[in-house]
Amino acid sequence: MSPMIISAIILICVVIMFFSPRFSNSAVCVIGTIAMGLAGFLPVKTAFSYYTSSSIILMVGMMIVGGECFIPV
């Protein structure tokens, strides 16, 4: 099978899981990263090294603070 078809299948599955209420967005991100790593599109050693950048840490912190602002009292 062509690598383009495999990556398109992974992308379609990840998009479907993003809109499914069964999966959390963080789990979908990890599943998508693992799938791309196992398919050989990402080096397995560096697949999760991108999660440690300062912009990702900032975005996670903003999601936590933003989520707390909308909790009903």
C-alpha atoms as a PDB file:
ATOM      1  CA  MET A   1       0.000   0.000   0.000  1.00  0.00           C
ATOM      2  CA  SER A   2       1.213   3.508  -0.764  1.00  0.00           C
ATOM      3  CA  PRO A   3       2.490   5.644   2.153  1.00  0.00           C
ATOM      4  CA  MET A   4       0.152   8.424   1.047  1.00  0.00           C
ATOM      5  CA  ILE A   5      -2.868   6.128   1.374  1.00  0.00           C
ATOM      6  CA  ILE A   6      -1.741   4.893   4.784  1.00  0.00           C
ATOM      7  CA  SER A   7      -1.256   8.424   6.095  1.00  0.00           C
ATOM      8  CA  ALA A   8      -4.646   9.464   4.666  1.00  0.00           C
ATOM      9  CA  ILE A   9      -6.325   6.537   6.436  1.00  0.00           C
ATOM     10  CA  ILE A  10      -4.648   7.480   9.733  1.00  0.00           C
ATOM     11  CA  LEU A  11      -5.674  11.113   9.255  1.00  0.00           C
ATOM     12  CA  ILE A  12      -9.306  10.200   8.532  1.00  0.00           C
ATOM     13  CA  CYS A  13      -9.440   7.923  11.585  1.00  0.00           C
ATOM     14  CA  VAL A  14      -7.965  10.642  13.810  1.00  0.00           C
ATOM     15  CA  VAL A  15     -10.440  13.252  12.522  1.00  0.00           C
ATOM     16  CA  ILE A  16     -13.352  10.883  13.162  1.00  0.00           C
ATOM     17  CA  MET A  17     -12.078  10.188  16.683  1.00  0.00           C
ATOM     18  CA  PHE A  18     -11.714  13.938  17.355  1.00  0.00           C
ATOM     19  CA  PHE A  19     -15.412  14.456  16.684  1.00  0.00           C
ATOM     20  CA  SER A  20     -16.492  11.309  18.520  1.00  0.00           C
ATOM     21  CA  PRO A  21     -17.599  11.873  22.117  1.00  0.00           C
ATOM     22  CA  ARG A  22     -16.077   8.504  23.122  1.00  0.00           C
ATOM     23  CA  PHE A  23     -12.460   9.678  22.929  1.00  0.00           C
ATOM     24  CA  SER A  24     -10.809  12.609  24.673  1.00  0.00           C
ATOM     25  CA  ASN A  25      -8.747  14.912  22.486  1.00  0.00           C
ATOM     26  CA  SER A  26      -5.551  14.140  24.374  1.00  0.00           C
ATOM     27  CA  ALA A  27      -6.011  10.401  23.847  1.00  0.00           C
ATOM     28  CA  VAL A  28      -6.616  10.980  20.132  1.00  0.00           C
ATOM     29  CA  CYS A  29      -3.375  12.972  19.878  1.00  0.00           C
ATOM     30  CA  VAL A  30      -1.387  10.205  21.504  1.00  0.00           C
ATOM     31  CA  ILE A  31      -3.060   7.514  19.377  1.00  0.00           C
ATOM     32  CA  GLY A  32      -2.375   9.491  16.197  1.00  0.00           C
ATOM     33  CA  THR A  33       1.270  10.002  17.157  1.00  0.00           C
ATOM     34  CA  ILE A  34       1.745   6.321  17.927  1.00  0.00           C
ATOM     35  CA  ALA A  35       0.056   5.305  14.667  1.00  0.00           C
ATOM     36  CA  MET A  36       2.255   7.621  12.599  1.00  0.00           C
ATOM     37  CA  GLY A  37       5.336   6.369  14.454  1.00  0.00           C
ATOM     38  CA  LEU A  38       4.476   2.713  13.930  1.00  0.00           C
ATOM     39  CA  ALA A  39       3.713   3.347  10.259  1.00  0.00           C
ATOM     40  CA  GLY A  40       7.205   4.771   9.838  1.00  0.00           C
ATOM     41  CA  PHE A  41       6.306   8.391   9.088  1.00  0.00           C
ATOM     42  CA  LEU A  42       7.808   9.687  12.349  1.00  0.00           C
ATOM     43  CA  PRO A  43      11.012   8.483  13.971  1.00  0.00           C
ATOM     44  CA  VAL A  44       9.845   6.548  17.023  1.00  0.00           C
ATOM     45  CA  LYS A  45      12.565   8.074  19.241  1.00  0.00           C
ATOM     46  CA  THR A  46      11.455  11.630  18.476  1.00  0.00           C
ATOM     47  CA  ALA A  47       7.700  11.061  18.179  1.00  0.00           C
ATOM     48  CA  PHE A  48       6.949  12.430  21.649  1.00  0.00           C
ATOM     49  CA  SER A  49       9.803  14.924  21.895  1.00  0.00           C
ATOM     50  CA  TYR A  50       7.632  17.589  20.255  1.00  0.00           C
ATOM     51  CA  TYR A  51       5.256  17.560  23.237  1.00  0.00           C
ATOM     52  CA  THR A  52       7.908  19.201  25.420  1.00  0.00           C
ATOM     53  CA  SER A  53       8.208  22.465  23.498  1.00  0.00           C
ATOM     54  CA  SER A  54       7.367  25.621  25.413  1.00  0.00           C
ATOM     55  CA  SER A  55       4.409  26.487  23.169  1.00  0.00           C
ATOM     56  CA  ILE A  56       2.731  23.122  23.848  1.00  0.00           C
ATOM     57  CA  ILE A  57       3.247  23.556  27.597  1.00  0.00           C
ATOM     58  CA  LEU A  58       1.767  27.071  27.380  1.00  0.00           C
ATOM     59  CA  MET A  59      -1.232  25.803  25.407  1.00  0.00           C
ATOM     60  CA  VAL A  60      -1.924  23.028  27.941  1.00  0.00           C
ATOM     61  CA  GLY A  61      -1.762  25.556  30.773  1.00  0.00           C
ATOM     62  CA  MET A  62      -4.157  27.871  28.951  1.00  0.00           C
ATOM     63  CA  MET A  63      -6.595  24.983  28.410  1.00  0.00           C
ATOM     64  CA  ILE A  64      -6.554  24.172  32.107  1.00  0.00           C
ATOM     65  CA  VAL A  65      -7.168  27.796  33.139  1.00  0.00           C
ATOM     66  CA  GLY A  66      -9.812  28.271  30.418  1.00  0.00           C
ATOM     67  CA  GLY A  67     -11.597  25.088  31.448  1.00  0.00           C
ATOM     68  CA  GLU A  68     -11.791  26.286  35.020  1.00  0.00           C
ATOM     69  CA  CYS A  69     -13.429  29.547  33.942  1.00  0.00           C
ATOM     70  CA  PHE A  70     -16.477  27.768  32.531  1.00  0.00           C
ATOM     71  CA  ILE A  71     -17.275  25.366  35.361  1.00  0.00           C
ATOM     72  CA  PRO A  72     -20.785  26.076  36.670  1.00  0.00           C
ATOM     73  CA  VAL A  73     -20.913  26.954  40.346  1.00  0.00           C
END
